Amino acid sequence: MIVVILGTSIAYLIYIASLNYISSSLAGILTAFEPVLAAILSVVFLA
């Protein structure tokens, strides 16, 4: 359980910190493509 909470927290903090270095429009585009990329990677790694 600690691994899940710690892993999620670290990923979230890295995401928030990275927003200082990119524009808001790029952040929106990357957020919109996240589910698509997750689906593609799940097919690649789990199939």
Protein backbone atom coordinates (compact mmCIF):
# COMPACT_ATOMS: atom_id res chain seq x y z
CA MET A 1 0.00 0.00 0.00
CA ILE A 2 2.86 2.36 0.77
CA VAL A 3 4.40 1.66 -2.64
CA VAL A 4 1.17 2.71 -4.37
CA ILE A 5 0.78 5.88 -2.34
CA LEU A 6 4.44 6.82 -2.62
CA GLY A 7 4.60 6.10 -6.36
CA THR A 8 1.47 8.13 -7.06
CA SER A 9 2.65 11.01 -4.89
CA ILE A 10 6.05 11.20 -6.56
CA ALA A 11 4.52 11.09 -10.05
CA TYR A 12 2.04 13.83 -9.13
CA LEU A 13 4.76 16.05 -7.66
CA ILE A 14 6.94 15.62 -10.76
CA TYR A 15 3.95 16.51 -12.96
CA ILE A 16 3.22 19.66 -10.94
CA ALA A 17 6.89 20.69 -10.96
CA SER A 18 7.11 20.20 -14.72
CA LEU A 19 4.26 22.65 -15.29
CA ASN A 20 6.69 25.46 -14.46
CA TYR A 21 8.72 24.65 -17.58
CA ILE A 22 6.02 24.21 -20.26
CA SER A 23 3.16 26.36 -21.51
CA SER A 24 -0.41 25.78 -20.39
CA SER A 25 -1.50 24.84 -23.91
CA LEU A 26 1.16 22.13 -24.13
CA ALA A 27 0.16 20.84 -20.70
CA GLY A 28 -3.45 20.60 -21.88
CA ILE A 29 -2.47 18.72 -25.03
CA LEU A 30 -0.31 16.27 -23.08
CA THR A 31 -3.10 15.71 -20.55
CA ALA A 32 -5.58 15.03 -23.36
CA PHE A 33 -3.31 12.40 -24.94
CA GLU A 34 -2.53 10.62 -21.67
CA PRO A 35 -5.44 8.11 -21.86
CA VAL A 36 -4.65 7.34 -25.51
CA LEU A 37 -1.00 6.72 -24.71
CA ALA A 38 -1.95 4.56 -21.73
CA ALA A 39 -4.18 2.40 -23.94
CA ILE A 40 -1.47 2.01 -26.58
CA LEU A 41 1.21 1.15 -24.04
CA SER A 42 -1.07 -1.36 -22.30
CA VAL A 43 -1.60 -3.18 -25.59
CA VAL A 44 2.14 -3.15 -26.30
CA PHE A 45 3.23 -4.39 -22.88
CA LEU A 46 0.34 -6.69 -21.97
CA ALA A 47 -0.41 -8.30 -25.32
